[in-house]
Amino acid sequence: MQCTIFYGQKDDVEEAFNEWGRGKTLSKDIIIHTFAHASGKYAARDLVLIAVYYPDDLGWDKESEL
């Protein structure tokens, strides 16, 4: 298995994850774990972590036919 991690401010992480995932086909072999937390008691921004676990086999990464 391989892992790709996206971490930072919500909007930046969302944009990076969507760009990375564009054209990829999700299957039961893909695990996506999301964790969000405030960076402090009075934080003006929330931080988000998205960890994506996927097989070493590149077959899952083929362009979607949709």
Protein backbone atom coordinates (compact mmCIF):
# COMPACT_ATOMS: atom_id res chain seq x y z
CA MET A 1 0.00 0.00 0.00
CA GLN A 2 1.02 3.57 -0.62
CA CYS A 3 -0.16 6.66 1.24
CA THR A 4 -0.66 10.25 0.17
CA ILE A 5 -1.30 12.86 2.86
CA PHE A 6 -2.87 16.28 2.42
CA TYR A 7 -2.61 18.66 5.40
CA GLY A 8 -3.32 22.34 5.93
CA GLN A 9 -6.16 24.81 5.78
CA LYS A 10 -9.49 23.33 4.75
CA ASP A 11 -9.82 25.06 1.37
CA ASP A 12 -6.21 24.34 0.35
CA VAL A 13 -6.48 20.68 1.34
CA GLU A 14 -9.80 20.25 -0.42
CA GLU A 15 -8.41 21.77 -3.61
CA ALA A 16 -5.22 19.65 -3.52
CA PHE A 17 -7.15 16.43 -2.81
CA ASN A 18 -9.64 17.09 -5.61
CA GLU A 19 -6.83 17.87 -8.06
CA TRP A 20 -4.98 14.68 -7.07
CA GLY A 21 -8.15 12.57 -7.34
CA ARG A 22 -9.38 13.97 -10.65
CA GLY A 23 -9.70 11.12 -13.16
CA LYS A 24 -8.95 8.39 -10.60
CA THR A 25 -11.41 5.60 -10.02
CA LEU A 26 -12.21 4.81 -6.39
CA SER A 27 -12.73 1.19 -5.40
CA LYS A 28 -13.02 -0.91 -2.26
CA ASP A 29 -9.19 -1.02 -2.14
CA ILE A 30 -8.92 2.72 -1.46
CA ILE A 31 -9.09 4.01 2.13
CA ILE A 32 -9.64 7.71 2.77
CA HIS A 33 -9.31 8.96 6.34
CA THR A 34 -10.19 12.57 7.20
CA PHE A 35 -9.38 14.38 10.43
CA ALA A 36 -10.26 18.00 11.22
CA HIS A 37 -9.31 20.07 14.25
CA ALA A 38 -9.12 23.67 15.40
CA SER A 39 -5.55 24.92 15.55
CA GLY A 40 -6.20 26.69 18.86
CA LYS A 41 -8.93 27.73 21.29
CA TYR A 42 -9.64 30.93 19.37
CA ALA A 43 -8.28 29.81 16.03
CA ALA A 44 -9.33 31.78 12.99
CA ARG A 45 -8.72 28.74 10.80
CA ASP A 46 -9.33 25.03 10.99
CA LEU A 47 -6.76 22.48 9.90
CA VAL A 48 -7.64 19.33 7.98
CA LEU A 49 -5.70 16.14 7.26
CA ILE A 50 -6.72 13.71 4.53
CA ALA A 51 -4.77 10.45 4.31
CA VAL A 52 -5.39 8.28 1.23
CA TYR A 53 -4.16 4.67 1.24
CA TYR A 54 -4.10 2.88 -2.11
CA PRO A 55 -2.54 -0.25 -3.66
CA ASP A 56 0.96 -0.27 -5.13
CA ASP A 57 -0.60 -1.64 -8.32
CA LEU A 58 -1.15 1.22 -10.76
CA GLY A 59 -4.25 -0.47 -12.24
CA TRP A 60 -6.60 1.36 -9.85
CA ASP A 61 -5.24 4.71 -11.06
CA LYS A 62 -6.52 4.42 -14.64
CA GLU A 63 -8.73 7.14 -16.06
CA SER A 64 -12.39 6.71 -15.25
CA GLU A 65 -14.60 5.90 -18.23
CA LEU A 66 -17.49 8.03 -16.95
